[in-house]
Amino acid sequence: MSAAAFPIPVSAAGARSAAVLDVRPVLASGGDPFSLILKTARQLADDEALHLVVGFEPAPLYAVMKTLGRSAHTEQADGAYHVWFYRDPRAVSDGAHAASEDAAPLQEPVELDVRNLEPPQPMIVILEKLVELGPGAQLLVRHHREPVLLYEKLELRGYRARTTKRGEGDYLVHIAPARVFQEA
């Protein structure tokens, strides 16, 4: 894809080429494309963008990509979302993100119940709530199952989780900055 075909913010940031990744087939087969997206993003050159094609707006992915120093530009066309992740010096890098998390005071836990939501909504709600609350956030999440696919996404954002099964279809997930579980 040539830079002339990029949205203005992407080309203005200096992107000269793009890796196109259409994850709709992965999602349609019941897979989780998160690891593939991150692997692709980490292999990009500074002047290369990731053009992600997906069937829904991947809002929680924006914050994760920001920790990799990439901003997002999203457009909707032909029943799909086209998201360009491009290098942006204003985006937070891994080191800066970790430093701000370590320095942030620990917040009181906020309770969240996602038991009645269908996948991937529980994960989206949890990740959006962490972004909303900001550094030092803690959540006590009631979930209908152990959220194993969430753990990697939390680690990338400087968080960890401790899950306790309380009964059939009833899990309590404590999510906090990683330092909380290292100190315990």
N, C-alpha and C. Protein backbone atom coordinates (compact mmCIF):
# COMPACT_ATOMS: atom_id res chain seq x y z
N MET A 1 0.85 -1.18 0.00
CA MET A 1 0.00 0.00 0.00
C MET A 1 0.89 1.23 0.00
N SER A 2 0.63 2.16 -0.88
CA SER A 2 1.45 3.37 -0.97
C SER A 2 0.98 4.39 0.05
N ALA A 3 1.90 5.27 0.43
CA ALA A 3 1.59 6.30 1.42
C ALA A 3 0.48 7.22 0.92
N ALA A 4 0.34 7.38 -0.39
CA ALA A 4 -0.71 8.23 -0.94
C ALA A 4 -2.10 7.70 -0.60
N ALA A 5 -2.23 6.37 -0.37
CA ALA A 5 -3.52 5.77 -0.05
C ALA A 5 -3.83 5.82 1.45
N PHE A 6 -2.92 6.34 2.26
CA PHE A 6 -3.13 6.40 3.70
C PHE A 6 -4.04 7.56 4.07
N PRO A 7 -4.75 7.45 5.17
CA PRO A 7 -5.47 8.60 5.71
C PRO A 7 -4.45 9.70 6.05
N ILE A 8 -4.89 10.93 6.00
CA ILE A 8 -4.00 12.07 6.20
C ILE A 8 -3.20 12.00 7.50
N PRO A 9 -3.82 11.67 8.67
CA PRO A 9 -3.02 11.64 9.91
C PRO A 9 -1.89 10.61 9.85
N VAL A 10 -2.11 9.50 9.15
CA VAL A 10 -1.11 8.43 9.08
C VAL A 10 0.07 8.88 8.22
N SER A 11 -0.22 9.43 7.05
CA SER A 11 0.88 9.89 6.19
C SER A 11 1.57 11.11 6.80
N ALA A 12 0.82 11.98 7.48
CA ALA A 12 1.42 13.16 8.10
C ALA A 12 2.39 12.77 9.22
N ALA A 13 2.17 11.62 9.84
CA ALA A 13 3.07 11.15 10.90
C ALA A 13 4.32 10.48 10.33
N GLY A 14 4.39 10.35 9.00
CA GLY A 14 5.60 9.82 8.39
C GLY A 14 5.53 8.37 7.93
N ALA A 15 4.35 7.76 7.97
CA ALA A 15 4.24 6.37 7.51
C ALA A 15 4.47 6.33 6.00
N ARG A 16 5.32 5.42 5.56
CA ARG A 16 5.65 5.27 4.14
C ARG A 16 5.13 3.96 3.55
N SER A 17 4.84 2.98 4.41
CA SER A 17 4.30 1.71 3.96
C SER A 17 3.43 1.15 5.08
N ALA A 18 2.70 0.06 4.76
CA ALA A 18 1.81 -0.53 5.76
C ALA A 18 1.75 -2.04 5.59
N ALA A 19 1.67 -2.73 6.72
CA ALA A 19 1.38 -4.16 6.73
C ALA A 19 -0.13 -4.28 6.94
N VAL A 20 -0.81 -4.97 6.04
CA VAL A 20 -2.26 -5.13 6.13
C VAL A 20 -2.56 -6.46 6.82
N LEU A 21 -3.40 -6.40 7.85
CA LEU A 21 -3.77 -7.59 8.60
C LEU A 21 -5.29 -7.62 8.76
N ASP A 22 -5.94 -8.53 8.04
CA ASP A 22 -7.39 -8.70 8.12
C ASP A 22 -7.66 -9.86 9.08
N VAL A 23 -8.17 -9.53 10.28
CA VAL A 23 -8.37 -10.56 11.30
C VAL A 23 -9.80 -11.09 11.33
N ARG A 24 -10.63 -10.67 10.41
CA ARG A 24 -12.02 -11.16 10.38
C ARG A 24 -12.10 -12.68 10.23
N PRO A 25 -11.26 -13.33 9.38
CA PRO A 25 -11.32 -14.80 9.31
C PRO A 25 -10.93 -15.48 10.62
N VAL A 26 -9.96 -14.91 11.34
CA VAL A 26 -9.54 -15.49 12.62
C VAL A 26 -10.70 -15.43 13.62
N LEU A 27 -11.36 -14.28 13.68
CA LEU A 27 -12.49 -14.11 14.59
C LEU A 27 -13.67 -15.00 14.19
N ALA A 28 -13.92 -15.12 12.90
CA ALA A 28 -15.02 -15.95 12.41
C ALA A 28 -14.84 -17.42 12.77
N SER A 29 -13.59 -17.86 12.88
CA SER A 29 -13.33 -19.26 13.24
C SER A 29 -13.24 -19.45 14.75
N GLY A 30 -13.53 -18.39 15.53
CA GLY A 30 -13.53 -18.50 16.98
C GLY A 30 -12.18 -18.23 17.61
N GLY A 31 -11.20 -17.80 16.83
CA GLY A 31 -9.87 -17.53 17.35
C GLY A 31 -9.74 -16.14 17.94
N ASP A 32 -8.62 -15.91 18.61
CA ASP A 32 -8.30 -14.61 19.19
C ASP A 32 -7.07 -14.08 18.48
N PRO A 33 -7.20 -13.01 17.70
CA PRO A 33 -6.07 -12.51 16.92
C PRO A 33 -5.11 -11.61 17.68
N PHE A 34 -5.30 -11.43 18.97
CA PHE A 34 -4.51 -10.48 19.74
C PHE A 34 -3.01 -10.72 19.61
N SER A 35 -2.57 -11.96 19.80
CA SER A 35 -1.13 -12.25 19.72
C SER A 35 -0.58 -11.98 18.33
N LEU A 36 -1.33 -12.31 17.30
CA LEU A 36 -0.92 -12.05 15.92
C LEU A 36 -0.79 -10.55 15.67
N ILE A 37 -1.73 -9.78 16.18
CA ILE A 37 -1.69 -8.32 16.02
C ILE A 37 -0.44 -7.76 16.69
N LEU A 38 -0.18 -8.18 17.93
CA LEU A 38 1.00 -7.67 18.64
C LEU A 38 2.29 -8.09 17.96
N LYS A 39 2.37 -9.33 17.52
CA LYS A 39 3.58 -9.81 16.84
C LYS A 39 3.83 -8.98 15.58
N THR A 40 2.79 -8.73 14.81
CA THR A 40 2.92 -7.93 13.60
C THR A 40 3.35 -6.51 13.93
N ALA A 41 2.73 -5.91 14.94
CA ALA A 41 3.05 -4.53 15.33
C ALA A 41 4.50 -4.40 15.79
N ARG A 42 4.99 -5.38 16.51
CA ARG A 42 6.36 -5.33 17.02
C ARG A 42 7.40 -5.48 15.91
N GLN A 43 7.01 -6.04 14.78
CA GLN A 43 7.93 -6.24 13.66
C GLN A 43 7.96 -5.05 12.69
N LEU A 44 7.13 -4.06 12.91
CA LEU A 44 7.05 -2.92 12.01
C LEU A 44 8.25 -2.00 12.15
N ALA A 45 8.66 -1.42 11.03
CA ALA A 45 9.68 -0.37 11.04
C ALA A 45 9.02 0.91 11.54
N ASP A 46 9.81 1.88 11.94
CA ASP A 46 9.25 3.13 12.45
C ASP A 46 8.38 3.85 11.43
N ASP A 47 8.71 3.73 10.13
CA ASP A 47 7.93 4.41 9.11
C ASP A 47 6.87 3.51 8.47
N GLU A 48 6.56 2.41 9.16
CA GLU A 48 5.57 1.46 8.66
C GLU A 48 4.36 1.44 9.59
N ALA A 49 3.18 1.45 9.01
CA ALA A 49 1.93 1.40 9.77
C ALA A 49 1.36 -0.01 9.71
N LEU A 50 0.52 -0.32 10.67
CA LEU A 50 -0.26 -1.55 10.63
C LEU A 50 -1.68 -1.16 10.25
N HIS A 51 -2.16 -1.72 9.14
CA HIS A 51 -3.54 -1.48 8.71
C HIS A 51 -4.34 -2.71 9.11
N LEU A 52 -5.08 -2.60 10.19
CA LEU A 52 -5.88 -3.69 10.73
C LEU A 52 -7.30 -3.59 10.18
N VAL A 53 -7.82 -4.71 9.69
CA VAL A 53 -9.20 -4.77 9.20
C VAL A 53 -9.95 -5.72 10.12
N VAL A 54 -11.04 -5.24 10.72
CA VAL A 54 -11.79 -6.01 11.71
C VAL A 54 -13.27 -5.66 11.60
N GLY A 55 -14.12 -6.52 12.09
CA GLY A 55 -15.57 -6.33 11.99
C GLY A 55 -16.18 -5.45 13.06
N PHE A 56 -15.41 -5.03 14.05
CA PHE A 56 -15.90 -4.16 15.11
C PHE A 56 -14.78 -3.22 15.51
N GLU A 57 -15.12 -2.13 16.18
CA GLU A 57 -14.08 -1.21 16.60
C GLU A 57 -13.31 -1.82 17.77
N PRO A 58 -12.00 -2.02 17.62
CA PRO A 58 -11.20 -2.67 18.67
C PRO A 58 -10.70 -1.68 19.73
N ALA A 59 -11.64 -1.02 20.42
CA ALA A 59 -11.31 0.06 21.35
C ALA A 59 -10.24 -0.30 22.38
N PRO A 60 -10.28 -1.47 23.04
CA PRO A 60 -9.23 -1.76 24.03
C PRO A 60 -7.83 -1.86 23.42
N LEU A 61 -7.76 -2.17 22.15
CA LEU A 61 -6.47 -2.31 21.48
C LEU A 61 -5.76 -0.96 21.36
N TYR A 62 -6.49 0.13 21.36
CA TYR A 62 -5.88 1.45 21.22
C TYR A 62 -4.88 1.72 22.35
N ALA A 63 -5.29 1.43 23.58
CA ALA A 63 -4.41 1.68 24.72
C ALA A 63 -3.20 0.76 24.69
N VAL A 64 -3.39 -0.49 24.30
CA VAL A 64 -2.27 -1.43 24.22
C VAL A 64 -1.26 -0.95 23.18
N MET A 65 -1.74 -0.53 22.01
CA MET A 65 -0.84 -0.07 20.96
C MET A 65 -0.15 1.24 21.34
N LYS A 66 -0.81 2.03 22.15
CA LYS A 66 -0.19 3.28 22.61
C LYS A 66 1.05 2.97 23.45
N THR A 67 1.00 1.87 24.22
CA THR A 67 2.18 1.48 25.00
C THR A 67 3.33 1.04 24.10
N LEU A 68 3.03 0.70 22.85
CA LEU A 68 4.06 0.35 21.87
C LEU A 68 4.48 1.57 21.06
N GLY A 69 4.00 2.75 21.47
CA GLY A 69 4.38 3.98 20.78
C GLY A 69 3.60 4.23 19.50
N ARG A 70 2.41 3.65 19.38
CA ARG A 70 1.62 3.79 18.14
C ARG A 70 0.26 4.41 18.44
N SER A 71 -0.09 5.37 17.62
CA SER A 71 -1.41 5.98 17.68
C SER A 71 -2.32 5.29 16.67
N ALA A 72 -3.61 5.56 16.78
CA ALA A 72 -4.58 4.91 15.90
C ALA A 72 -5.39 5.93 15.14
N HIS A 73 -5.70 5.56 13.91
CA HIS A 73 -6.68 6.31 13.11
C HIS A 73 -7.67 5.27 12.60
N THR A 74 -8.96 5.49 12.86
CA THR A 74 -9.99 4.50 12.52
C THR A 74 -11.00 5.08 11.55
N GLU A 75 -11.34 4.27 10.55
CA GLU A 75 -12.40 4.61 9.61
C GLU A 75 -13.28 3.38 9.43
N GLN A 76 -14.55 3.61 9.15
CA GLN A 76 -15.47 2.50 8.90
C GLN A 76 -15.90 2.56 7.44
N ALA A 77 -15.75 1.43 6.74
CA ALA A 77 -16.13 1.36 5.33
C ALA A 77 -16.46 -0.09 4.96
N ASP A 78 -17.43 -0.27 4.10
CA ASP A 78 -17.79 -1.59 3.58
C ASP A 78 -18.06 -2.61 4.69
N GLY A 79 -18.68 -2.18 5.77
CA GLY A 79 -19.04 -3.10 6.86
C GLY A 79 -17.87 -3.54 7.72
N ALA A 80 -16.73 -2.87 7.61
CA ALA A 80 -15.55 -3.23 8.39
C ALA A 80 -14.92 -1.97 8.97
N TYR A 81 -14.16 -2.17 10.02
CA TYR A 81 -13.36 -1.08 10.58
C TYR A 81 -11.95 -1.23 10.04
N HIS A 82 -11.39 -0.11 9.58
CA HIS A 82 -10.02 -0.05 9.09
C HIS A 82 -9.26 0.82 10.09
N VAL A 83 -8.32 0.20 10.79
CA VAL A 83 -7.58 0.90 11.83
C VAL A 83 -6.11 0.92 11.44
N TRP A 84 -5.56 2.11 11.37
CA TRP A 84 -4.14 2.26 11.07
C TRP A 84 -3.44 2.60 12.38
N PHE A 85 -2.48 1.76 12.75
CA PHE A 85 -1.63 2.03 13.92
C PHE A 85 -0.29 2.49 13.37
N TYR A 86 0.10 3.68 13.74
CA TYR A 86 1.31 4.28 13.18
C TYR A 86 2.17 4.88 14.29
N ARG A 87 3.46 4.99 14.02
CA ARG A 87 4.41 5.53 15.00
C ARG A 87 4.07 6.98 15.25
N ASP A 88 3.98 7.31 16.51
CA ASP A 88 3.65 8.68 16.90
C ASP A 88 4.50 9.04 18.10
N PRO A 89 5.38 10.04 17.97
CA PRO A 89 6.25 10.40 19.09
C PRO A 89 5.48 10.85 20.33
N ARG A 90 4.21 11.23 20.15
CA ARG A 90 3.41 11.66 21.31
C ARG A 90 2.82 10.48 22.06
N ALA A 91 2.81 9.28 21.46
CA ALA A 91 2.27 8.09 22.12
C ALA A 91 3.23 7.66 23.22
N VAL A 92 2.70 7.03 24.25
CA VAL A 92 3.49 6.58 25.38
C VAL A 92 4.27 5.33 24.98
N SER A 93 5.55 5.28 25.30
CA SER A 93 6.35 4.09 25.02
C SER A 93 6.25 3.10 26.17
N ASP A 94 6.74 1.89 25.96
CA ASP A 94 6.71 0.85 27.01
C ASP A 94 7.31 1.35 28.31
N GLY A 95 8.49 1.95 28.25
CA GLY A 95 9.18 2.39 29.46
C GLY A 95 8.43 3.48 30.19
N ALA A 96 7.93 4.46 29.45
CA ALA A 96 7.20 5.55 30.06
C ALA A 96 5.91 5.05 30.69
N HIS A 97 5.25 4.10 30.03
CA HIS A 97 4.01 3.53 30.55
C HIS A 97 4.28 2.82 31.88
N ALA A 98 5.31 2.00 31.91
CA ALA A 98 5.65 1.26 33.13
C ALA A 98 6.03 2.21 34.25
N ALA A 99 6.79 3.25 33.94
CA ALA A 99 7.20 4.20 34.96
C ALA A 99 6.00 4.93 35.55
N SER A 100 5.05 5.33 34.70
CA SER A 100 3.88 6.03 35.22
C SER A 100 3.02 5.11 36.07
N GLU A 101 2.93 3.81 35.71
CA GLU A 101 2.18 2.85 36.51
C GLU A 101 2.83 2.66 37.88
N ASP A 102 4.17 2.54 37.90
CA ASP A 102 4.88 2.33 39.16
C ASP A 102 4.74 3.53 40.09
N ALA A 103 4.66 4.73 39.53
CA ALA A 103 4.61 5.94 40.34
C ALA A 103 3.19 6.27 40.80
N ALA A 104 2.19 5.70 40.16
CA ALA A 104 0.80 6.05 40.46
C ALA A 104 0.36 5.47 41.80
N PRO A 105 -0.35 6.28 42.61
CA PRO A 105 -0.90 5.73 43.85
C PRO A 105 -1.97 4.69 43.54
N LEU A 106 -2.07 3.73 44.41
CA LEU A 106 -3.04 2.64 44.24
C LEU A 106 -4.44 3.16 44.57
N GLN A 107 -5.37 2.92 43.66
CA GLN A 107 -6.76 3.34 43.86
C GLN A 107 -7.52 2.25 44.62
N GLU A 108 -8.63 2.64 45.23
CA GLU A 108 -9.53 1.67 45.86
C GLU A 108 -10.14 0.80 44.77
N PRO A 109 -10.36 -0.49 45.04
CA PRO A 109 -10.96 -1.37 44.02
C PRO A 109 -12.38 -0.93 43.63
N VAL A 110 -12.64 -1.02 42.34
CA VAL A 110 -13.97 -0.72 41.79
C VAL A 110 -14.60 -2.06 41.40
N GLU A 111 -15.85 -2.27 41.84
CA GLU A 111 -16.54 -3.53 41.53
C GLU A 111 -17.18 -3.45 40.14
N LEU A 112 -17.09 -4.58 39.43
CA LEU A 112 -17.61 -4.67 38.07
C LEU A 112 -18.18 -6.06 37.88
N ASP A 113 -19.40 -6.16 37.37
CA ASP A 113 -20.05 -7.46 37.14
C ASP A 113 -20.24 -7.65 35.65
N VAL A 114 -19.55 -8.64 35.06
CA VAL A 114 -19.63 -8.90 33.62
C VAL A 114 -20.24 -10.27 33.34
N ARG A 115 -20.87 -10.88 34.33
CA ARG A 115 -21.38 -12.25 34.20
C ARG A 115 -22.44 -12.41 33.12
N ASN A 116 -23.19 -11.38 32.83
CA ASN A 116 -24.28 -11.51 31.86
C ASN A 116 -23.90 -11.05 30.46
N LEU A 117 -22.62 -10.78 30.22
CA LEU A 117 -22.18 -10.31 28.91
C LEU A 117 -21.62 -11.46 28.08
N GLU A 118 -21.85 -11.41 26.77
CA GLU A 118 -21.32 -12.40 25.84
C GLU A 118 -19.93 -11.98 25.37
N PRO A 119 -19.03 -12.96 25.16
CA PRO A 119 -17.70 -12.63 24.64
C PRO A 119 -17.80 -11.93 23.28
N PRO A 120 -16.96 -10.96 23.05
CA PRO A 120 -15.80 -10.51 23.82
C PRO A 120 -16.13 -9.35 24.75
N GLN A 121 -17.41 -9.07 25.00
CA GLN A 121 -17.80 -7.91 25.80
C GLN A 121 -17.18 -7.86 27.20
N PRO A 122 -17.07 -8.97 27.96
CA PRO A 122 -16.45 -8.85 29.28
C PRO A 122 -15.03 -8.27 29.20
N MET A 123 -14.24 -8.76 28.25
CA MET A 123 -12.87 -8.27 28.11
C MET A 123 -12.86 -6.80 27.72
N ILE A 124 -13.71 -6.42 26.80
CA ILE A 124 -13.76 -5.03 26.35
C ILE A 124 -14.15 -4.11 27.51
N VAL A 125 -15.17 -4.50 28.26
CA VAL A 125 -15.64 -3.69 29.39
C VAL A 125 -14.53 -3.54 30.44
N ILE A 126 -13.84 -4.63 30.74
CA ILE A 126 -12.76 -4.61 31.74
C ILE A 126 -11.63 -3.69 31.28
N LEU A 127 -11.16 -3.87 30.05
CA LEU A 127 -10.04 -3.05 29.56
C LEU A 127 -10.41 -1.58 29.44
N GLU A 128 -11.64 -1.30 29.02
CA GLU A 128 -12.08 0.10 28.93
C GLU A 128 -12.19 0.73 30.32
N LYS A 129 -12.63 -0.04 31.31
CA LYS A 129 -12.74 0.49 32.67
C LYS A 129 -11.36 0.83 33.23
N LEU A 130 -10.36 -0.02 32.93
CA LEU A 130 -8.99 0.28 33.37
C LEU A 130 -8.47 1.57 32.74
N VAL A 131 -8.76 1.77 31.47
CA VAL A 131 -8.35 3.00 30.79
C VAL A 131 -9.07 4.19 31.42
N GLU A 132 -10.36 4.05 31.67
CA GLU A 132 -11.17 5.11 32.27
C GLU A 132 -10.63 5.51 33.64
N LEU A 133 -10.27 4.52 34.46
CA LEU A 133 -9.81 4.78 35.83
C LEU A 133 -8.38 5.31 35.87
N GLY A 134 -7.56 4.92 34.90
CA GLY A 134 -6.19 5.42 34.83
C GLY A 134 -5.22 4.64 35.69
N PRO A 135 -3.96 5.12 35.74
CA PRO A 135 -2.90 4.42 36.48
C PRO A 135 -3.28 4.19 37.94
N GLY A 136 -2.90 3.02 38.44
CA GLY A 136 -3.18 2.66 39.83
C GLY A 136 -4.55 2.04 40.03
N ALA A 137 -5.29 1.81 38.95
CA ALA A 137 -6.65 1.26 39.06
C ALA A 137 -6.64 -0.17 39.57
N GLN A 138 -7.68 -0.51 40.31
CA GLN A 138 -7.93 -1.88 40.75
C GLN A 138 -9.39 -2.20 40.45
N LEU A 139 -9.63 -3.44 40.02
CA LEU A 139 -10.99 -3.90 39.78
C LEU A 139 -11.24 -5.19 40.54
N LEU A 140 -12.46 -5.35 41.02
CA LEU A 140 -12.96 -6.61 41.55
C LEU A 140 -14.08 -7.02 40.61
N VAL A 141 -13.79 -7.99 39.74
CA VAL A 141 -14.70 -8.35 38.66
C VAL A 141 -15.40 -9.66 38.98
N ARG A 142 -16.73 -9.66 38.87
CA ARG A 142 -17.52 -10.90 38.93
C ARG A 142 -17.66 -11.39 37.51
N HIS A 143 -17.22 -12.62 37.26
CA HIS A 143 -17.19 -13.19 35.91
C HIS A 143 -17.83 -14.57 35.95
N HIS A 144 -18.36 -15.02 34.82
CA HIS A 144 -19.00 -16.34 34.77
C HIS A 144 -18.00 -17.46 34.48
N ARG A 145 -16.74 -17.10 34.17
CA ARG A 145 -15.69 -18.11 33.95
C ARG A 145 -14.34 -17.47 34.20
N GLU A 146 -13.30 -18.29 34.25
CA GLU A 146 -11.96 -17.74 34.40
C GLU A 146 -11.55 -17.07 33.10
N PRO A 147 -11.17 -15.79 33.14
CA PRO A 147 -10.87 -15.04 31.92
C PRO A 147 -9.42 -15.23 31.44
N VAL A 148 -9.08 -16.44 31.04
CA VAL A 148 -7.68 -16.75 30.69
C VAL A 148 -7.16 -15.93 29.52
N LEU A 149 -8.02 -15.56 28.56
CA LEU A 149 -7.56 -14.75 27.43
C LEU A 149 -7.26 -13.31 27.83
N LEU A 150 -7.75 -12.90 28.99
CA LEU A 150 -7.53 -11.53 29.47
C LEU A 150 -6.14 -11.34 30.08
N TYR A 151 -5.57 -12.40 30.64
CA TYR A 151 -4.34 -12.26 31.41
C TYR A 151 -3.19 -11.63 30.62
N GLU A 152 -2.96 -12.09 29.39
CA GLU A 152 -1.86 -11.54 28.58
C GLU A 152 -2.10 -10.05 28.29
N LYS A 153 -3.34 -9.70 28.02
CA LYS A 153 -3.67 -8.31 27.71
C LYS A 153 -3.44 -7.42 28.93
N LEU A 154 -3.73 -7.95 30.11
CA LEU A 154 -3.47 -7.19 31.33
C LEU A 154 -1.97 -7.00 31.55
N GLU A 155 -1.20 -8.06 31.36
CA GLU A 155 0.26 -7.99 31.55
C GLU A 155 0.89 -6.93 30.67
N LEU A 156 0.42 -6.84 29.43
CA LEU A 156 0.95 -5.84 28.50
C LEU A 156 0.68 -4.42 28.96
N ARG A 157 -0.32 -4.27 29.81
CA ARG A 157 -0.68 -2.94 30.30
C ARG A 157 -0.16 -2.70 31.72
N GLY A 158 0.65 -3.62 32.23
CA GLY A 158 1.21 -3.44 33.57
C GLY A 158 0.31 -3.92 34.70
N TYR A 159 -0.68 -4.73 34.39
CA TYR A 159 -1.61 -5.25 35.39
C TYR A 159 -1.47 -6.77 35.49
N ARG A 160 -1.95 -7.29 36.61
CA ARG A 160 -2.05 -8.75 36.79
C ARG A 160 -3.41 -9.03 37.42
N ALA A 161 -3.76 -10.31 37.41
CA ALA A 161 -5.05 -10.71 37.98
C ALA A 161 -4.87 -11.92 38.87
N ARG A 162 -5.67 -11.99 39.90
CA ARG A 162 -5.76 -13.17 40.77
C ARG A 162 -7.22 -13.58 40.75
N THR A 163 -7.48 -14.81 40.31
CA THR A 163 -8.85 -15.29 40.14
C THR A 163 -9.19 -16.37 41.16
N THR A 164 -10.36 -16.23 41.76
CA THR A 164 -10.86 -17.20 42.73
C THR A 164 -12.21 -17.72 42.26
N LYS A 165 -12.33 -19.05 42.16
CA LYS A 165 -13.61 -19.65 41.81
C LYS A 165 -14.45 -19.72 43.07
N ARG A 166 -15.62 -19.08 43.04
CA ARG A 166 -16.49 -19.03 44.21
C ARG A 166 -17.62 -20.03 44.11
N GLY A 167 -17.89 -20.51 42.92
CA GLY A 167 -18.97 -21.46 42.69
C GLY A 167 -19.09 -21.70 41.20
N GLU A 168 -20.02 -22.54 40.82
CA GLU A 168 -20.21 -22.82 39.40
C GLU A 168 -20.67 -21.55 38.69
N GLY A 169 -19.89 -21.10 37.70
CA GLY A 169 -20.23 -19.90 36.94
C GLY A 169 -20.05 -18.62 37.72
N ASP A 170 -19.24 -18.65 38.78
CA ASP A 170 -19.04 -17.46 39.60
C ASP A 170 -17.56 -17.35 40.00
N TYR A 171 -16.87 -16.44 39.36
CA TYR A 171 -15.45 -16.19 39.62
C TYR A 171 -15.28 -14.75 40.06
N LEU A 172 -14.40 -14.55 41.02
CA LEU A 172 -14.03 -13.21 41.45
C LEU A 172 -12.61 -12.96 40.96
N VAL A 173 -12.43 -11.92 40.15
CA VAL A 173 -11.13 -11.61 39.56
C VAL A 173 -10.66 -10.27 40.11
N HIS A 174 -9.55 -10.31 40.86
CA HIS A 174 -8.95 -9.07 41.37
C HIS A 174 -7.89 -8.64 40.37
N ILE A 175 -8.07 -7.48 39.78
CA ILE A 175 -7.13 -6.92 38.81
C ILE A 175 -6.49 -5.70 39.45
N ALA A 176 -5.15 -5.66 39.39
CA ALA A 176 -4.43 -4.55 40.01
C ALA A 176 -3.09 -4.37 39.27
N PRO A 177 -2.43 -3.23 39.49
CA PRO A 177 -1.09 -3.07 38.93
C PRO A 177 -0.20 -4.25 39.36
N ALA A 178 0.68 -4.70 38.49
CA ALA A 178 1.50 -5.88 38.74
C ALA A 178 2.24 -5.80 40.06
N ARG A 179 2.65 -4.61 40.46
CA ARG A 179 3.43 -4.46 41.70
C ARG A 179 2.67 -4.93 42.92
N VAL A 180 1.33 -4.87 42.89
CA VAL A 180 0.51 -5.30 44.02
C VAL A 180 0.72 -6.77 44.31
N PHE A 181 0.77 -7.59 43.26
CA PHE A 181 0.92 -9.04 43.43
C PHE A 181 2.36 -9.42 43.68
N GLN A 182 3.30 -8.56 43.31
CA GLN A 182 4.72 -8.84 43.59
C GLN A 182 5.02 -8.59 45.06
N GLU A 183 4.30 -7.60 45.65
CA GLU A 183 4.51 -7.27 47.05
C GLU A 183 3.84 -8.26 47.99
N ALA A 184 2.78 -8.91 47.49
CA ALA A 184 1.99 -9.82 48.35
C ALA A 184 2.71 -11.11 48.64
